[in-house]
Amino acid sequence: RACCPNATLLQYVNPMAINTWGLAERFPDIKQVGLCHSV
């Protein structure tokens, strides 16, 4: 928010679903996507 508010966060950290959900709850303005290679 402070340094690159227009950036996209590519989130590769587990637990992916908990992290993605938690980020959206507190920072809904941040552009993010959780990425995995399981597929």
PDB file of all heavy atoms in Angstrom:
ATOM      1  N   ARG A   1       0.828  -1.209   0.000  1.00  0.00           N
ATOM      2  CA  ARG A   1       0.000   0.000   0.000  1.00  0.00           C
ATOM      3  C   ARG A   1       0.860   1.255   0.000  1.00  0.00           C
ATOM      4  O   ARG A   1       0.557   2.248  -0.674  1.00  0.00           O
ATOM      5  CB  ARG A   1      -0.898   0.016   1.241  1.00  0.00           C
ATOM      6  CG  ARG A   1      -2.224  -0.675   1.088  1.00  0.00           C
ATOM      7  CD  ARG A   1      -3.047  -0.493   2.360  1.00  0.00           C
ATOM      8  NE  ARG A   1      -4.334  -1.153   2.267  1.00  0.00           N
ATOM      9  CZ  ARG A   1      -5.154  -1.324   3.298  1.00  0.00           C
ATOM     10  NH1 ARG A   1      -4.792  -0.888   4.512  1.00  0.00           N
ATOM     11  NH2 ARG A   1      -6.317  -1.933   3.139  1.00  0.00           N
ATOM     12  N   ALA A   2       1.945   1.208   0.761  1.00  0.00           N
ATOM     13  CA  ALA A   2       2.795   2.385   0.906  1.00  0.00           C
ATOM     14  C   ALA A   2       3.771   2.556  -0.258  1.00  0.00           C
ATOM     15  O   ALA A   2       4.070   3.691  -0.650  1.00  0.00           O
ATOM     16  CB  ALA A   2       3.577   2.287   2.220  1.00  0.00           C
ATOM     17  N   CYS A   3       4.277   1.439  -0.810  1.00  0.00           N
ATOM     18  CA  CYS A   3       5.404   1.516  -1.745  1.00  0.00           C
ATOM     19  C   CYS A   3       5.058   1.190  -3.194  1.00  0.00           C
ATOM     20  O   CYS A   3       5.745   1.654  -4.109  1.00  0.00           O
ATOM     21  CB  CYS A   3       6.510   0.556  -1.295  1.00  0.00           C
ATOM     22  SG  CYS A   3       7.141   0.867   0.349  1.00  0.00           S
ATOM     23  N   CYS A   4       4.032   0.398  -3.407  1.00  0.00           N
ATOM     24  CA  CYS A   4       3.692  -0.015  -4.787  1.00  0.00           C
ATOM     25  C   CYS A   4       2.218  -0.410  -4.830  1.00  0.00           C
ATOM     26  O   CYS A   4       1.894  -1.583  -5.071  1.00  0.00           O
ATOM     27  CB  CYS A   4       4.586  -1.159  -5.240  1.00  0.00           C
ATOM     28  SG  CYS A   4       4.684  -2.573  -4.101  1.00  0.00           S
ATOM     29  N   PRO A   5       1.318   0.534  -4.589  1.00  0.00           N
ATOM     30  CA  PRO A   5      -0.110   0.203  -4.447  1.00  0.00           C
ATOM     31  C   PRO A   5      -0.741  -0.396  -5.702  1.00  0.00           C
ATOM     32  O   PRO A   5      -1.792  -1.035  -5.611  1.00  0.00           O
ATOM     33  CB  PRO A   5      -0.755   1.542  -4.097  1.00  0.00           C
ATOM     34  CG  PRO A   5       0.217   2.574  -4.599  1.00  0.00           C
ATOM     35  CD  PRO A   5       1.570   1.976  -4.439  1.00  0.00           C
ATOM     36  N   ASN A   6      -0.121  -0.217  -6.864  1.00  0.00           N
ATOM     37  CA  ASN A   6      -0.684  -0.765  -8.097  1.00  0.00           C
ATOM     38  C   ASN A   6      -0.072  -2.101  -8.492  1.00  0.00           C
ATOM     39  O   ASN A   6      -0.428  -2.664  -9.528  1.00  0.00           O
ATOM     40  CB  ASN A   6      -0.503   0.241  -9.241  1.00  0.00           C
ATOM     41  CG  ASN A   6      -1.294   1.517  -9.000  1.00  0.00           C
ATOM     42  OD1 ASN A   6      -2.446   1.465  -8.578  1.00  0.00           O
ATOM     43  ND2 ASN A   6      -0.682   2.659  -9.251  1.00  0.00           N
ATOM     44  N   ALA A   7       0.833  -2.607  -7.673  1.00  0.00           N
ATOM     45  CA  ALA A   7       1.496  -3.868  -7.992  1.00  0.00           C
ATOM     46  C   ALA A   7       0.538  -5.042  -7.807  1.00  0.00           C
ATOM     47  O   ALA A   7      -0.462  -4.959  -7.092  1.00  0.00           O
ATOM     48  CB  ALA A   7       2.728  -4.048  -7.109  1.00  0.00           C
ATOM     49  N   THR A   8       0.887  -6.146  -8.443  1.00  0.00           N
ATOM     50  CA  THR A   8       0.151  -7.401  -8.271  1.00  0.00           C
ATOM     51  C   THR A   8       0.987  -8.343  -7.420  1.00  0.00           C
ATOM     52  O   THR A   8       2.177  -8.547  -7.704  1.00  0.00           O
ATOM     53  CB  THR A   8      -0.150  -8.058  -9.627  1.00  0.00           C
ATOM     54  OG1 THR A   8      -0.947  -7.163 -10.418  1.00  0.00           O
ATOM     55  CG2 THR A   8      -0.910  -9.364  -9.441  1.00  0.00           C
ATOM     56  N   LEU A   9       0.374  -8.903  -6.387  1.00  0.00           N
ATOM     57  CA  LEU A   9       1.040  -9.859  -5.508  1.00  0.00           C
ATOM     58  C   LEU A   9       0.813 -11.273  -6.042  1.00  0.00           C
ATOM     59  O   LEU A   9      -0.324 -11.719  -6.160  1.00  0.00           O
ATOM     60  CB  LEU A   9       0.490  -9.736  -4.088  1.00  0.00           C
ATOM     61  CG  LEU A   9       0.967 -10.769  -3.058  1.00  0.00           C
ATOM     62  CD1 LEU A   9       2.473 -10.695  -2.858  1.00  0.00           C
ATOM     63  CD2 LEU A   9       0.237 -10.578  -1.729  1.00  0.00           C
ATOM     64  N   LEU A  10       1.906 -11.959  -6.355  1.00  0.00           N
ATOM     65  CA  LEU A  10       1.854 -13.367  -6.750  1.00  0.00           C
ATOM     66  C   LEU A  10       2.270 -14.170  -5.535  1.00  0.00           C
ATOM     67  O   LEU A  10       3.439 -14.166  -5.146  1.00  0.00           O
ATOM     68  CB  LEU A  10       2.788 -13.643  -7.931  1.00  0.00           C
ATOM     69  CG  LEU A  10       2.668 -12.709  -9.152  1.00  0.00           C
ATOM     70  CD1 LEU A  10       3.573 -13.190 -10.270  1.00  0.00           C
ATOM     71  CD2 LEU A  10       1.236 -12.597  -9.619  1.00  0.00           C
ATOM     72  N   GLN A  11       1.316 -14.857  -4.936  1.00  0.00           N
ATOM     73  CA  GLN A  11       1.474 -15.454  -3.613  1.00  0.00           C
ATOM     74  C   GLN A  11       1.679 -16.958  -3.754  1.00  0.00           C
ATOM     75  O   GLN A  11       0.781 -17.674  -4.161  1.00  0.00           O
ATOM     76  CB  GLN A  11       0.213 -15.128  -2.798  1.00  0.00           C
ATOM     77  CG  GLN A  11       0.396 -14.995  -1.318  1.00  0.00           C
ATOM     78  CD  GLN A  11       0.521 -16.351  -0.659  1.00  0.00           C
ATOM     79  OE1 GLN A  11       1.604 -16.725  -0.214  1.00  0.00           O
ATOM     80  NE2 GLN A  11      -0.570 -17.076  -0.620  1.00  0.00           N
ATOM     81  N   TYR A  12       2.894 -17.411  -3.425  1.00  0.00           N
ATOM     82  CA  TYR A  12       3.241 -18.820  -3.578  1.00  0.00           C
ATOM     83  C   TYR A  12       3.390 -19.544  -2.243  1.00  0.00           C
ATOM     84  O   TYR A  12       3.932 -20.636  -2.193  1.00  0.00           O
ATOM     85  CB  TYR A  12       4.552 -18.954  -4.353  1.00  0.00           C
ATOM     86  CG  TYR A  12       4.405 -19.016  -5.851  1.00  0.00           C
ATOM     87  CD1 TYR A  12       4.600 -17.886  -6.640  1.00  0.00           C
ATOM     88  CD2 TYR A  12       4.096 -20.201  -6.490  1.00  0.00           C
ATOM     89  CE1 TYR A  12       4.494 -17.944  -8.020  1.00  0.00           C
ATOM     90  CE2 TYR A  12       3.975 -20.271  -7.874  1.00  0.00           C
ATOM     91  CZ  TYR A  12       4.182 -19.136  -8.637  1.00  0.00           C
ATOM     92  OH  TYR A  12       4.055 -19.197 -10.003  1.00  0.00           O
ATOM     93  N   VAL A  13       2.935 -18.946  -1.148  1.00  0.00           N
ATOM     94  CA  VAL A  13       3.197 -19.482   0.186  1.00  0.00           C
ATOM     95  C   VAL A  13       2.021 -20.334   0.654  1.00  0.00           C
ATOM     96  O   VAL A  13       0.864 -19.974   0.446  1.00  0.00           O
ATOM     97  CB  VAL A  13       3.444 -18.327   1.178  1.00  0.00           C
ATOM     98  CG1 VAL A  13       3.792 -18.864   2.564  1.00  0.00           C
ATOM     99  CG2 VAL A  13       4.555 -17.411   0.674  1.00  0.00           C
ATOM    100  N   ASN A  14       2.329 -21.440   1.312  1.00  0.00           N
ATOM    101  CA  ASN A  14       1.292 -22.269   1.944  1.00  0.00           C
ATOM    102  C   ASN A  14       1.108 -21.877   3.407  1.00  0.00           C
ATOM    103  O   ASN A  14       2.044 -21.388   4.033  1.00  0.00           O
ATOM    104  CB  ASN A  14       1.671 -23.748   1.847  1.00  0.00           C
ATOM    105  CG  ASN A  14       1.295 -24.347   0.504  1.00  0.00           C
ATOM    106  OD1 ASN A  14       0.239 -24.040  -0.048  1.00  0.00           O
ATOM    107  ND2 ASN A  14       2.157 -25.179  -0.037  1.00  0.00           N
ATOM    108  N   PRO A  15      -0.093 -22.055   3.955  1.00  0.00           N
ATOM    109  CA  PRO A  15      -1.295 -22.660   3.360  1.00  0.00           C
ATOM    110  C   PRO A  15      -2.006 -21.686   2.417  1.00  0.00           C
ATOM    111  O   PRO A  15      -2.536 -20.662   2.855  1.00  0.00           O
ATOM    112  CB  PRO A  15      -2.165 -22.985   4.580  1.00  0.00           C
ATOM    113  CG  PRO A  15      -1.764 -21.976   5.614  1.00  0.00           C
ATOM    114  CD  PRO A  15      -0.300 -21.711   5.387  1.00  0.00           C
ATOM    115  N   MET A  16      -1.997 -22.020   1.138  1.00  0.00           N
ATOM    116  CA  MET A  16      -2.453 -21.114   0.091  1.00  0.00           C
ATOM    117  C   MET A  16      -3.857 -20.555   0.340  1.00  0.00           C
ATOM    118  O   MET A  16      -4.080 -19.347   0.261  1.00  0.00           O
ATOM    119  CB  MET A  16      -2.427 -21.850  -1.252  1.00  0.00           C
ATOM    120  CG  MET A  16      -2.971 -21.057  -2.427  1.00  0.00           C
ATOM    121  SD  MET A  16      -1.957 -19.622  -2.784  1.00  0.00           S
ATOM    122  CE  MET A  16      -0.457 -20.437  -3.331  1.00  0.00           C
ATOM    123  N   ALA A  17      -4.822 -21.426   0.634  1.00  0.00           N
ATOM    124  CA  ALA A  17      -6.206 -20.955   0.763  1.00  0.00           C
ATOM    125  C   ALA A  17      -6.367 -20.046   1.984  1.00  0.00           C
ATOM    126  O   ALA A  17      -7.027 -18.992   1.909  1.00  0.00           O
ATOM    127  CB  ALA A  17      -7.162 -22.138   0.847  1.00  0.00           C
ATOM    128  N   ILE A  18      -5.786 -20.432   3.114  1.00  0.00           N
ATOM    129  CA  ILE A  18      -5.871 -19.593   4.322  1.00  0.00           C
ATOM    130  C   ILE A  18      -5.201 -18.253   4.066  1.00  0.00           C
ATOM    131  O   ILE A  18      -5.732 -17.191   4.438  1.00  0.00           O
ATOM    132  CB  ILE A  18      -5.235 -20.332   5.513  1.00  0.00           C
ATOM    133  CG1 ILE A  18      -6.121 -21.510   5.942  1.00  0.00           C
ATOM    134  CG2 ILE A  18      -5.005 -19.372   6.691  1.00  0.00           C
ATOM    135  CD1 ILE A  18      -5.492 -22.420   6.976  1.00  0.00           C
ATOM    136  N   ASN A  19      -4.049 -18.266   3.406  1.00  0.00           N
ATOM    137  CA  ASN A  19      -3.333 -17.018   3.134  1.00  0.00           C
ATOM    138  C   ASN A  19      -4.132 -16.095   2.216  1.00  0.00           C
ATOM    139  O   ASN A  19      -4.250 -14.895   2.460  1.00  0.00           O
ATOM    140  CB  ASN A  19      -1.977 -17.319   2.483  1.00  0.00           C
ATOM    141  CG  ASN A  19      -1.021 -18.023   3.415  1.00  0.00           C
ATOM    142  OD1 ASN A  19      -1.190 -18.022   4.619  1.00  0.00           O
ATOM    143  ND2 ASN A  19       0.004 -18.630   2.847  1.00  0.00           N
ATOM    144  N   THR A  20      -4.652 -16.667   1.125  1.00  0.00           N
ATOM    145  CA  THR A  20      -5.409 -15.862   0.158  1.00  0.00           C
ATOM    146  C   THR A  20      -6.654 -15.260   0.809  1.00  0.00           C
ATOM    147  O   THR A  20      -6.969 -14.079   0.614  1.00  0.00           O
ATOM    148  CB  THR A  20      -5.803 -16.742  -1.046  1.00  0.00           C
ATOM    149  OG1 THR A  20      -4.619 -17.265  -1.650  1.00  0.00           O
ATOM    150  CG2 THR A  20      -6.587 -15.960  -2.073  1.00  0.00           C
ATOM    151  N   TRP A  21      -7.351 -16.067   1.587  1.00  0.00           N
ATOM    152  CA  TRP A  21      -8.564 -15.602   2.273  1.00  0.00           C
ATOM    153  C   TRP A  21      -8.205 -14.531   3.295  1.00  0.00           C
ATOM    154  O   TRP A  21      -8.837 -13.473   3.357  1.00  0.00           O
ATOM    155  CB  TRP A  21      -9.217 -16.808   2.951  1.00  0.00           C
ATOM    156  CG  TRP A  21     -10.641 -16.629   3.372  1.00  0.00           C
ATOM    157  CD1 TRP A  21     -11.305 -15.460   3.611  1.00  0.00           C
ATOM    158  CD2 TRP A  21     -11.596 -17.688   3.600  1.00  0.00           C
ATOM    159  NE1 TRP A  21     -12.615 -15.721   3.993  1.00  0.00           N
ATOM    160  CE2 TRP A  21     -12.810 -17.068   3.984  1.00  0.00           C
ATOM    161  CE3 TRP A  21     -11.529 -19.070   3.541  1.00  0.00           C
ATOM    162  CZ2 TRP A  21     -13.953 -17.808   4.310  1.00  0.00           C
ATOM    163  CZ3 TRP A  21     -12.664 -19.808   3.847  1.00  0.00           C
ATOM    164  CH2 TRP A  21     -13.853 -19.186   4.223  1.00  0.00           C
ATOM    165  N   GLY A  22      -7.177 -14.780   4.095  1.00  0.00           N
ATOM    166  CA  GLY A  22      -6.774 -13.811   5.110  1.00  0.00           C
ATOM    167  C   GLY A  22      -6.337 -12.487   4.515  1.00  0.00           C
ATOM    168  O   GLY A  22      -6.663 -11.409   5.041  1.00  0.00           O
ATOM    169  N   LEU A  23      -5.599 -12.521   3.412  1.00  0.00           N
ATOM    170  CA  LEU A  23      -5.190 -11.287   2.745  1.00  0.00           C
ATOM    171  C   LEU A  23      -6.395 -10.475   2.278  1.00  0.00           C
ATOM    172  O   LEU A  23      -6.458  -9.262   2.466  1.00  0.00           O
ATOM    173  CB  LEU A  23      -4.303 -11.616   1.542  1.00  0.00           C
ATOM    174  CG  LEU A  23      -2.817 -11.788   1.807  1.00  0.00           C
ATOM    175  CD1 LEU A  23      -2.138 -12.443   0.625  1.00  0.00           C
ATOM    176  CD2 LEU A  23      -2.165 -10.439   2.124  1.00  0.00           C
ATOM    177  N   ALA A  24      -7.357 -11.153   1.678  1.00  0.00           N
ATOM    178  CA  ALA A  24      -8.535 -10.451   1.158  1.00  0.00           C
ATOM    179  C   ALA A  24      -9.368  -9.834   2.266  1.00  0.00           C
ATOM    180  O   ALA A  24      -9.972  -8.762   2.089  1.00  0.00           O
ATOM    181  CB  ALA A  24      -9.382 -11.413   0.329  1.00  0.00           C
ATOM    182  N   GLU A  25      -9.425 -10.481   3.436  1.00  0.00           N
ATOM    183  CA  GLU A  25     -10.210  -9.954   4.549  1.00  0.00           C
ATOM    184  C   GLU A  25      -9.639  -8.639   5.072  1.00  0.00           C
ATOM    185  O   GLU A  25     -10.385  -7.722   5.380  1.00  0.00           O
ATOM    186  CB  GLU A  25     -10.261 -10.984   5.681  1.00  0.00           C
ATOM    187  CG  GLU A  25     -11.129 -12.197   5.397  1.00  0.00           C
ATOM    188  CD  GLU A  25     -12.615 -11.862   5.360  1.00  0.00           C
ATOM    189  OE1 GLU A  25     -13.075 -11.068   6.206  1.00  0.00           O
ATOM    190  OE2 GLU A  25     -13.307 -12.392   4.482  1.00  0.00           O
ATOM    191  N   ARG A  26      -8.331  -8.542   5.189  1.00  0.00           N
ATOM    192  CA  ARG A  26      -7.703  -7.361   5.773  1.00  0.00           C
ATOM    193  C   ARG A  26      -7.281  -6.334   4.724  1.00  0.00           C
ATOM    194  O   ARG A  26      -7.270  -5.132   4.997  1.00  0.00           O
ATOM    195  CB  ARG A  26      -6.493  -7.811   6.602  1.00  0.00           C
ATOM    196  CG  ARG A  26      -5.761  -6.716   7.379  1.00  0.00           C
ATOM    197  CD  ARG A  26      -6.581  -6.107   8.499  1.00  0.00           C
ATOM    198  NE  ARG A  26      -6.977  -7.043   9.517  1.00  0.00           N
ATOM    199  CZ  ARG A  26      -6.236  -7.352  10.594  1.00  0.00           C
ATOM    200  NH1 ARG A  26      -5.031  -6.830  10.752  1.00  0.00           N
ATOM    201  NH2 ARG A  26      -6.710  -8.192  11.509  1.00  0.00           N
ATOM    202  N   PHE A  27      -6.947  -6.783   3.517  1.00  0.00           N
ATOM    203  CA  PHE A  27      -6.446  -5.880   2.473  1.00  0.00           C
ATOM    204  C   PHE A  27      -7.167  -6.140   1.152  1.00  0.00           C
ATOM    205  O   PHE A  27      -6.557  -6.610   0.181  1.00  0.00           O
ATOM    206  CB  PHE A  27      -4.930  -6.071   2.298  1.00  0.00           C
ATOM    207  CG  PHE A  27      -4.121  -5.591   3.460  1.00  0.00           C
ATOM    208  CD1 PHE A  27      -3.827  -6.442   4.521  1.00  0.00           C
ATOM    209  CD2 PHE A  27      -3.654  -4.277   3.510  1.00  0.00           C
ATOM    210  CE1 PHE A  27      -3.095  -6.012   5.602  1.00  0.00           C
ATOM    211  CE2 PHE A  27      -2.913  -3.831   4.594  1.00  0.00           C
ATOM    212  CZ  PHE A  27      -2.629  -4.688   5.647  1.00  0.00           C
ATOM    213  N   PRO A  28      -8.453  -5.834   1.091  1.00  0.00           N
ATOM    214  CA  PRO A  28      -9.217  -6.120  -0.130  1.00  0.00           C
ATOM    215  C   PRO A  28      -8.777  -5.285  -1.326  1.00  0.00           C
ATOM    216  O   PRO A  28      -9.108  -5.634  -2.469  1.00  0.00           O
ATOM    217  CB  PRO A  28     -10.663  -5.790   0.281  1.00  0.00           C
ATOM    218  CG  PRO A  28     -10.522  -4.822   1.419  1.00  0.00           C
ATOM    219  CD  PRO A  28      -9.298  -5.232   2.152  1.00  0.00           C
ATOM    220  N   ASP A  29      -8.048  -4.203  -1.093  1.00  0.00           N
ATOM    221  CA  ASP A  29      -7.608  -3.330  -2.179  1.00  0.00           C
ATOM    222  C   ASP A  29      -6.357  -3.827  -2.882  1.00  0.00           C
ATOM    223  O   ASP A  29      -6.038  -3.370  -3.987  1.00  0.00           O
ATOM    224  CB  ASP A  29      -7.342  -1.926  -1.641  1.00  0.00           C
ATOM    225  CG  ASP A  29      -6.372  -1.931  -0.460  1.00  0.00           C
ATOM    226  OD1 ASP A  29      -6.644  -2.674   0.509  1.00  0.00           O
ATOM    227  OD2 ASP A  29      -5.365  -1.197  -0.479  1.00  0.00           O
ATOM    228  N   ILE A  30      -5.632  -4.737  -2.264  1.00  0.00           N
ATOM    229  CA  ILE A  30      -4.393  -5.237  -2.861  1.00  0.00           C
ATOM    230  C   ILE A  30      -4.719  -6.256  -3.945  1.00  0.00           C
ATOM    231  O   ILE A  30      -5.485  -7.196  -3.725  1.00  0.00           O
ATOM    232  CB  ILE A  30      -3.486  -5.874  -1.781  1.00  0.00           C
ATOM    233  CG1 ILE A  30      -3.005  -4.808  -0.803  1.00  0.00           C
ATOM    234  CG2 ILE A  30      -2.318  -6.609  -2.409  1.00  0.00           C
ATOM    235  CD1 ILE A  30      -2.111  -3.748  -1.395  1.00  0.00           C
ATOM    236  N   LYS A  31      -4.126  -6.076  -5.117  1.00  0.00           N
ATOM    237  CA  LYS A  31      -4.307  -7.036  -6.201  1.00  0.00           C
ATOM    238  C   LYS A  31      -3.443  -8.255  -5.898  1.00  0.00           C
ATOM    239  O   LYS A  31      -2.224  -8.138  -5.788  1.00  0.00           O
ATOM    240  CB  LYS A  31      -3.910  -6.419  -7.543  1.00  0.00           C
ATOM    241  CG  LYS A  31      -4.844  -5.320  -8.000  1.00  0.00           C
ATOM    242  CD  LYS A  31      -4.481  -4.795  -9.383  1.00  0.00           C
ATOM    243  CE  LYS A  31      -3.284  -3.860  -9.299  1.00  0.00           C
ATOM    244  NZ  LYS A  31      -3.010  -3.221 -10.613  1.00  0.00           N
ATOM    245  N   GLN A  32      -4.062  -9.404  -5.759  1.00  0.00           N
ATOM    246  CA  GLN A  32      -3.325 -10.607  -5.397  1.00  0.00           C
ATOM    247  C   GLN A  32      -3.887 -11.811  -6.121  1.00  0.00           C
ATOM    248  O   GLN A  32      -5.048 -11.851  -6.517  1.00  0.00           O
ATOM    249  CB  GLN A  32      -3.419 -10.848  -3.880  1.00  0.00           C
ATOM    250  CG  GLN A  32      -4.861 -11.037  -3.378  1.00  0.00           C
ATOM    251  CD  GLN A  32      -5.002 -12.120  -2.314  1.00  0.00           C
ATOM    252  OE1 GLN A  32      -4.245 -13.080  -2.282  1.00  0.00           O
ATOM    253  NE2 GLN A  32      -6.003 -11.958  -1.450  1.00  0.00           N
ATOM    254  N   VAL A  33      -3.047 -12.822  -6.256  1.00  0.00           N
ATOM    255  CA  VAL A  33      -3.490 -14.122  -6.736  1.00  0.00           C
ATOM    256  C   VAL A  33      -2.577 -15.177  -6.106  1.00  0.00           C
ATOM    257  O   VAL A  33      -1.371 -14.985  -5.988  1.00  0.00           O
ATOM    258  CB  VAL A  33      -3.450 -14.214  -8.282  1.00  0.00           C
ATOM    259  CG1 VAL A  33      -2.039 -14.000  -8.829  1.00  0.00           C
ATOM    260  CG2 VAL A  33      -4.008 -15.557  -8.750  1.00  0.00           C
ATOM    261  N   GLY A  34      -3.182 -16.262  -5.653  1.00  0.00           N
ATOM    262  CA  GLY A  34      -2.411 -17.378  -5.134  1.00  0.00           C
ATOM    263  C   GLY A  34      -2.102 -18.348  -6.265  1.00  0.00           C
ATOM    264  O   GLY A  34      -2.993 -18.754  -7.012  1.00  0.00           O
ATOM    265  N   LEU A  35      -0.831 -18.720  -6.391  1.00  0.00           N
ATOM    266  CA  LEU A  35      -0.403 -19.587  -7.479  1.00  0.00           C
ATOM    267  C   LEU A  35       0.216 -20.868  -6.935  1.00  0.00           C
ATOM    268  O   LEU A  35       0.915 -20.854  -5.928  1.00  0.00           O
ATOM    269  CB  LEU A  35       0.621 -18.871  -8.372  1.00  0.00           C
ATOM    270  CG  LEU A  35       0.116 -17.617  -9.088  1.00  0.00           C
ATOM    271  CD1 LEU A  35       1.248 -16.962  -9.857  1.00  0.00           C
ATOM    272  CD2 LEU A  35      -1.047 -17.943 -10.017  1.00  0.00           C
ATOM    273  N   CYS A  36      -0.047 -21.965  -7.629  1.00  0.00           N
ATOM    274  CA  CYS A  36       0.408 -23.283  -7.208  1.00  0.00           C
ATOM    275  C   CYS A  36       0.752 -24.069  -8.466  1.00  0.00           C
ATOM    276  O   CYS A  36       0.313 -23.713  -9.565  1.00  0.00           O
ATOM    277  CB  CYS A  36      -0.713 -23.972  -6.417  1.00  0.00           C
ATOM    278  SG  CYS A  36      -0.339 -25.621  -5.797  1.00  0.00           S
ATOM    279  N   HIS A  37       1.543 -25.128  -8.345  1.00  0.00           N
ATOM    280  CA  HIS A  37       1.866 -25.936  -9.524  1.00  0.00           C
ATOM    281  C   HIS A  37       1.235 -27.320  -9.470  1.00  0.00           C
ATOM    282  O   HIS A  37       1.654 -28.230 -10.194  1.00  0.00           O
ATOM    283  CB  HIS A  37       3.383 -26.046  -9.720  1.00  0.00           C
ATOM    284  CG  HIS A  37       4.138 -26.319  -8.463  1.00  0.00           C
ATOM    285  ND1 HIS A  37       5.178 -25.517  -8.039  1.00  0.00           N
ATOM    286  CD2 HIS A  37       4.005 -27.277  -7.521  1.00  0.00           C
ATOM    287  CE1 HIS A  37       5.655 -25.991  -6.903  1.00  0.00           C
ATOM    288  NE2 HIS A  37       4.965 -27.054  -6.576  1.00  0.00           N
ATOM    289  N   SER A  38       0.238 -27.504  -8.615  1.00  0.00           N
ATOM    290  CA  SER A  38      -0.356 -28.835  -8.501  1.00  0.00           C
ATOM    291  C   SER A  38      -1.080 -29.258  -9.779  1.00  0.00           C
ATOM    292  O   SER A  38      -1.062 -30.448 -10.135  1.00  0.00           O
ATOM    293  CB  SER A  38      -1.305 -28.900  -7.296  1.00  0.00           C
ATOM    294  OG  SER A  38      -2.345 -27.957  -7.410  1.00  0.00           O
ATOM    295  N   VAL A  39      -1.720 -28.329 -10.466  1.00  0.00           N
ATOM    296  CA  VAL A  39      -2.420 -28.694 -11.709  1.00  0.00           C
ATOM    297  C   VAL A  39      -1.412 -29.179 -12.750  1.00  0.00           C
ATOM    298  O   VAL A  39      -1.568 -30.243 -13.359  1.00  0.00           O
ATOM    299  CB  VAL A  39      -3.239 -27.508 -12.242  1.00  0.00           C
ATOM    300  CG1 VAL A  39      -3.820 -27.836 -13.625  1.00  0.00           C
ATOM    301  CG2 VAL A  39      -4.366 -27.143 -11.279  1.00  0.00           C
TER     302      VAL A  39
END
